[in-house]
Amino acid sequence: MIGYYALVIVIGYVCGCFESGYYISKLMKGKDIRDYGSHNSGSTNMLRVFGWKYGILTLLGDTLKAFIPLMLVKYLMIPRLGLPEGSIHKEMILLVMGFAAVIGHNYPVNLKFQGGKGSATTGAVMMAFDWRMGFLCILIFLAVVLVTRYVSLGSMTYSAAIVIEMAILHTRWPLILFSVLFPVFSIYRHRANVGRLLSGTESKFGQKASAEKQEDN
């Protein structure tokens, strides 16, 4: 089984390294999105800097790069492993691969480890793992953003809810404990947003960032 885990880690990470925002901004705008706004390549920054079209394209890319590979592994590779009914490896392989995709998105080796924050990719992982969890993540994210207009808060809230969802829907401790990694890394990647939320300076959804090149404060 170690070989299969190693394989899906590599596949997940490589797929995660396809930084949709970076390539879309380079190909369609001739700019590196990481030089603008919040200096990351996620869909929220793309939306704020370049507009809805670019934000949606980035969201779609960051979602599909995790969802499609996980679904292929789920329905093509895992059934051929001959695992006994109820084996925890069926679920754990998907979680490990999904987390590797998030790490690839956050720290892409091809872009000097400067990627996004993993929110869309995490949501795609949950949807591929268990559509019920993915659906709940979307509902929680939308509810928080609609009430507060803070995308970062919505992302961290639904990531934290993954652990509760796992405990309710899948119950086994190895899965629950592993799922903790998703909110931990989400909060870590959003640590600057946490500081701005606490100070009341966090940008709200709908606010447009300048497309002029900025430097970190």
Protein backbone atom coordinates (compact mmCIF):
# COMPACT_ATOMS: atom_id res chain seq x y z
CA MET A 1 0.00 0.00 0.00
CA ILE A 2 2.91 2.36 0.59
CA GLY A 3 3.60 2.46 -3.13
CA TYR A 4 0.00 3.47 -3.90
CA TYR A 5 0.10 6.22 -1.31
CA ALA A 6 3.37 7.50 -2.76
CA LEU A 7 1.83 7.44 -6.24
CA VAL A 8 -1.27 9.44 -5.32
CA ILE A 9 0.82 11.95 -3.35
CA VAL A 10 2.91 12.62 -6.44
CA ILE A 11 -0.16 12.81 -8.71
CA GLY A 12 -2.01 15.08 -6.30
CA TYR A 13 0.91 17.43 -5.80
CA VAL A 14 1.73 17.70 -9.52
CA CYS A 15 -1.90 18.44 -10.39
CA GLY A 16 -2.09 20.98 -7.58
CA CYS A 17 0.95 22.80 -8.97
CA PHE A 18 -1.04 23.87 -12.03
CA GLU A 19 -1.64 27.41 -10.77
CA SER A 20 -4.70 28.50 -12.74
CA GLY A 21 -4.56 32.14 -11.70
CA TYR A 22 -0.92 32.49 -12.66
CA TYR A 23 -1.33 30.99 -16.13
CA ILE A 24 -4.59 32.81 -16.86
CA SER A 25 -3.15 36.17 -15.82
CA LYS A 26 0.00 35.55 -17.86
CA LEU A 27 -1.79 34.34 -20.99
CA MET A 28 -4.76 36.71 -20.96
CA LYS A 29 -3.37 39.82 -19.30
CA GLY A 30 0.39 39.52 -19.74
CA LYS A 31 0.83 40.00 -15.98
CA ASP A 32 1.60 37.87 -12.94
CA ILE A 33 -1.38 38.04 -10.58
CA ARG A 34 0.98 37.50 -7.65
CA ASP A 35 2.33 41.03 -8.18
CA TYR A 36 -1.06 42.59 -7.45
CA GLY A 37 -3.71 42.85 -4.77
CA SER A 38 -3.11 40.31 -2.01
CA HIS A 39 -0.16 38.81 -3.93
CA ASN A 40 -1.55 35.30 -4.29
CA SER A 41 -2.86 33.44 -7.32
CA GLY A 42 -6.29 32.47 -5.99
CA SER A 43 -9.65 33.20 -7.57
CA THR A 44 -10.60 35.91 -5.05
CA ASN A 45 -7.52 37.97 -5.87
CA MET A 46 -8.07 37.40 -9.59
CA LEU A 47 -11.66 38.62 -9.24
CA ARG A 48 -10.66 41.73 -7.30
CA VAL A 49 -7.78 42.67 -9.58
CA PHE A 50 -8.95 41.67 -13.07
CA GLY A 51 -12.70 41.12 -12.72
CA TRP A 52 -15.39 38.43 -12.68
CA LYS A 53 -14.40 36.61 -15.86
CA TYR A 54 -10.88 35.97 -14.64
CA GLY A 55 -12.04 35.08 -11.14
CA ILE A 56 -14.50 32.49 -12.43
CA LEU A 57 -11.98 30.96 -14.83
CA THR A 58 -9.46 30.67 -12.00
CA LEU A 59 -12.05 29.14 -9.67
CA LEU A 60 -12.97 26.60 -12.34
CA GLY A 61 -9.34 25.71 -12.99
CA ASP A 62 -8.43 25.37 -9.32
CA THR A 63 -11.48 23.18 -8.77
CA LEU A 64 -11.11 20.85 -11.73
CA LYS A 65 -7.38 20.24 -11.22
CA ALA A 66 -8.25 18.44 -7.97
CA PHE A 67 -11.74 17.10 -8.69
CA ILE A 68 -10.98 15.27 -11.94
CA PRO A 69 -7.83 13.42 -10.77
CA LEU A 70 -9.49 12.40 -7.51
CA MET A 71 -12.54 11.07 -9.32
CA LEU A 72 -10.32 9.07 -11.67
CA VAL A 73 -8.46 7.54 -8.74
CA LYS A 74 -11.72 6.93 -6.88
CA TYR A 75 -13.45 5.07 -9.70
CA LEU A 76 -10.59 3.65 -11.77
CA MET A 77 -7.65 2.92 -9.46
CA ILE A 78 -9.14 2.11 -6.04
CA PRO A 79 -11.62 -0.54 -7.33
CA ARG A 80 -8.66 -2.38 -8.88
CA LEU A 81 -6.67 -2.57 -5.66
CA GLY A 82 -8.70 -5.49 -4.37
CA LEU A 83 -9.22 -3.91 -0.97
CA PRO A 84 -11.68 -5.66 1.37
CA GLU A 85 -15.10 -4.14 1.95
CA GLY A 86 -14.91 -1.45 4.59
CA SER A 87 -11.16 -0.93 4.23
CA ILE A 88 -10.15 2.49 5.49
CA HIS A 89 -7.55 2.70 2.72
CA LYS A 90 -10.30 3.44 0.18
CA GLU A 91 -11.06 6.72 1.92
CA MET A 92 -7.58 7.51 3.20
CA ILE A 93 -6.02 7.30 -0.27
CA LEU A 94 -8.41 9.99 -1.48
CA LEU A 95 -7.78 12.25 1.52
CA VAL A 96 -4.01 11.92 1.20
CA MET A 97 -4.13 12.64 -2.52
CA GLY A 98 -6.46 15.57 -1.96
CA PHE A 99 -4.24 17.09 0.69
CA ALA A 100 -1.24 16.69 -1.63
CA ALA A 101 -3.17 18.66 -4.27
CA VAL A 102 -3.81 21.45 -1.76
CA ILE A 103 -0.11 21.53 -0.84
CA GLY A 104 0.75 21.66 -4.54
CA HIS A 105 -1.61 24.59 -5.00
CA ASN A 106 -0.23 26.45 -1.99
CA TYR A 107 3.43 25.66 -2.65
CA PRO A 108 3.95 24.93 -6.37
CA VAL A 109 7.54 23.91 -7.04
CA ASN A 110 7.35 25.30 -10.59
CA LEU A 111 6.53 28.79 -9.24
CA LYS A 112 9.12 28.90 -6.46
CA PHE A 113 6.52 27.69 -3.92
CA GLN A 114 4.45 30.88 -4.24
CA GLY A 115 0.86 29.80 -4.82
CA GLY A 116 -2.62 30.38 -3.48
CA LYS A 117 -4.43 29.61 -0.26
CA GLY A 118 -6.11 26.35 -1.26
CA SER A 119 -9.76 27.21 -0.61
CA ALA A 120 -11.23 26.22 -3.99
CA THR A 121 -8.97 23.18 -4.23
CA THR A 122 -9.98 22.04 -0.74
CA GLY A 123 -13.64 22.34 -1.66
CA ALA A 124 -13.07 20.26 -4.79
CA VAL A 125 -11.29 17.60 -2.74
CA MET A 126 -14.25 17.33 -0.38
CA MET A 127 -16.71 17.14 -3.27
CA ALA A 128 -14.76 14.27 -4.83
CA PHE A 129 -14.29 12.53 -1.49
CA ASP A 130 -17.95 12.73 -0.43
CA TRP A 131 -20.44 14.93 -2.30
CA ARG A 132 -22.36 15.49 0.94
CA MET A 133 -19.31 17.04 2.56
CA GLY A 134 -18.60 19.09 -0.54
CA PHE A 135 -22.17 20.37 -0.64
CA LEU A 136 -22.09 21.31 3.05
CA CYS A 137 -18.79 23.13 2.52
CA ILE A 138 -20.34 25.21 -0.26
CA LEU A 139 -23.41 26.04 1.85
CA ILE A 140 -21.30 27.07 4.85
CA PHE A 141 -18.98 29.17 2.71
CA LEU A 142 -21.85 30.97 0.97
CA ALA A 143 -23.72 31.57 4.23
CA VAL A 144 -20.71 33.12 5.95
CA VAL A 145 -19.79 35.27 2.95
CA LEU A 146 -23.39 36.45 2.46
CA VAL A 147 -23.66 37.46 6.12
CA THR A 148 -20.19 38.94 6.65
CA ARG A 149 -18.94 39.62 3.07
CA TYR A 150 -15.55 38.24 4.15
CA VAL A 151 -14.35 35.56 1.72
CA SER A 152 -11.41 34.65 3.95
CA LEU A 153 -13.70 34.04 6.92
CA GLY A 154 -15.97 31.88 4.78
CA SER A 155 -12.99 29.83 3.59
CA MET A 156 -11.63 29.24 7.09
CA THR A 157 -15.08 28.46 8.51
CA TYR A 158 -15.93 25.80 5.97
CA SER A 159 -12.44 24.31 6.32
CA ALA A 160 -12.94 24.00 10.07
CA ALA A 161 -16.35 22.43 9.48
CA ILE A 162 -14.71 19.62 7.49
CA VAL A 163 -13.58 17.98 10.73
CA ILE A 164 -17.11 18.02 12.15
CA GLU A 165 -18.56 16.72 8.90
CA MET A 166 -16.00 13.92 8.84
CA ALA A 167 -16.83 12.97 12.43
CA ILE A 168 -20.54 12.80 11.63
CA LEU A 169 -20.46 11.17 8.19
CA HIS A 170 -17.40 8.90 8.35
CA THR A 171 -16.75 8.47 12.10
CA ARG A 172 -13.40 6.63 11.94
CA TRP A 173 -10.64 8.30 13.93
CA PRO A 174 -7.82 8.08 11.37
CA LEU A 175 -10.01 9.94 8.86
CA ILE A 176 -11.11 12.52 11.41
CA LEU A 177 -7.57 13.17 12.60
CA PHE A 178 -6.22 13.47 9.06
CA SER A 179 -9.00 15.89 8.11
CA VAL A 180 -7.69 18.30 10.75
CA LEU A 181 -4.83 19.11 8.37
CA PHE A 182 -7.19 20.93 6.01
CA PRO A 183 -8.33 23.66 8.45
CA VAL A 184 -4.88 23.91 10.01
CA PHE A 185 -3.29 24.73 6.67
CA SER A 186 -6.20 26.96 5.65
CA ILE A 187 -5.84 29.09 8.78
CA TYR A 188 -2.07 29.17 8.36
CA ARG A 189 -2.36 30.38 4.76
CA HIS A 190 -4.95 32.96 5.85
CA ARG A 191 -2.92 34.18 8.84
CA ALA A 192 -2.54 37.66 7.34
CA ASN A 193 -6.31 37.76 6.79
CA VAL A 194 -6.85 36.77 10.41
CA GLY A 195 -4.80 39.76 11.49
CA ARG A 196 -6.81 42.08 9.25
CA LEU A 197 -10.11 40.59 10.44
CA LEU A 198 -9.11 41.25 14.04
CA SER A 199 -8.06 44.80 13.24
CA GLY A 200 -11.12 45.49 11.08
CA THR A 201 -9.11 46.19 7.92
CA GLU A 202 -9.95 43.06 5.92
CA SER A 203 -11.38 43.75 2.43
CA LYS A 204 -14.96 42.70 1.90
CA PHE A 205 -16.36 40.81 -1.07
CA GLY A 206 -17.06 43.17 -3.94
CA GLN A 207 -14.20 45.54 -3.23
CA LYS A 208 -11.92 45.86 -6.25
CA ALA A 209 -8.15 45.88 -5.83
CA SER A 210 -5.86 48.02 -7.92
CA ALA A 211 -4.35 46.44 -11.02
CA GLU A 212 -1.27 48.59 -10.52
CA LYS A 213 1.74 46.65 -9.29
CA GLN A 214 1.96 46.72 -5.49
CA GLU A 215 4.58 45.81 -2.96
CA ASP A 216 3.96 44.04 0.35
CA ASN A 217 3.53 46.40 3.29
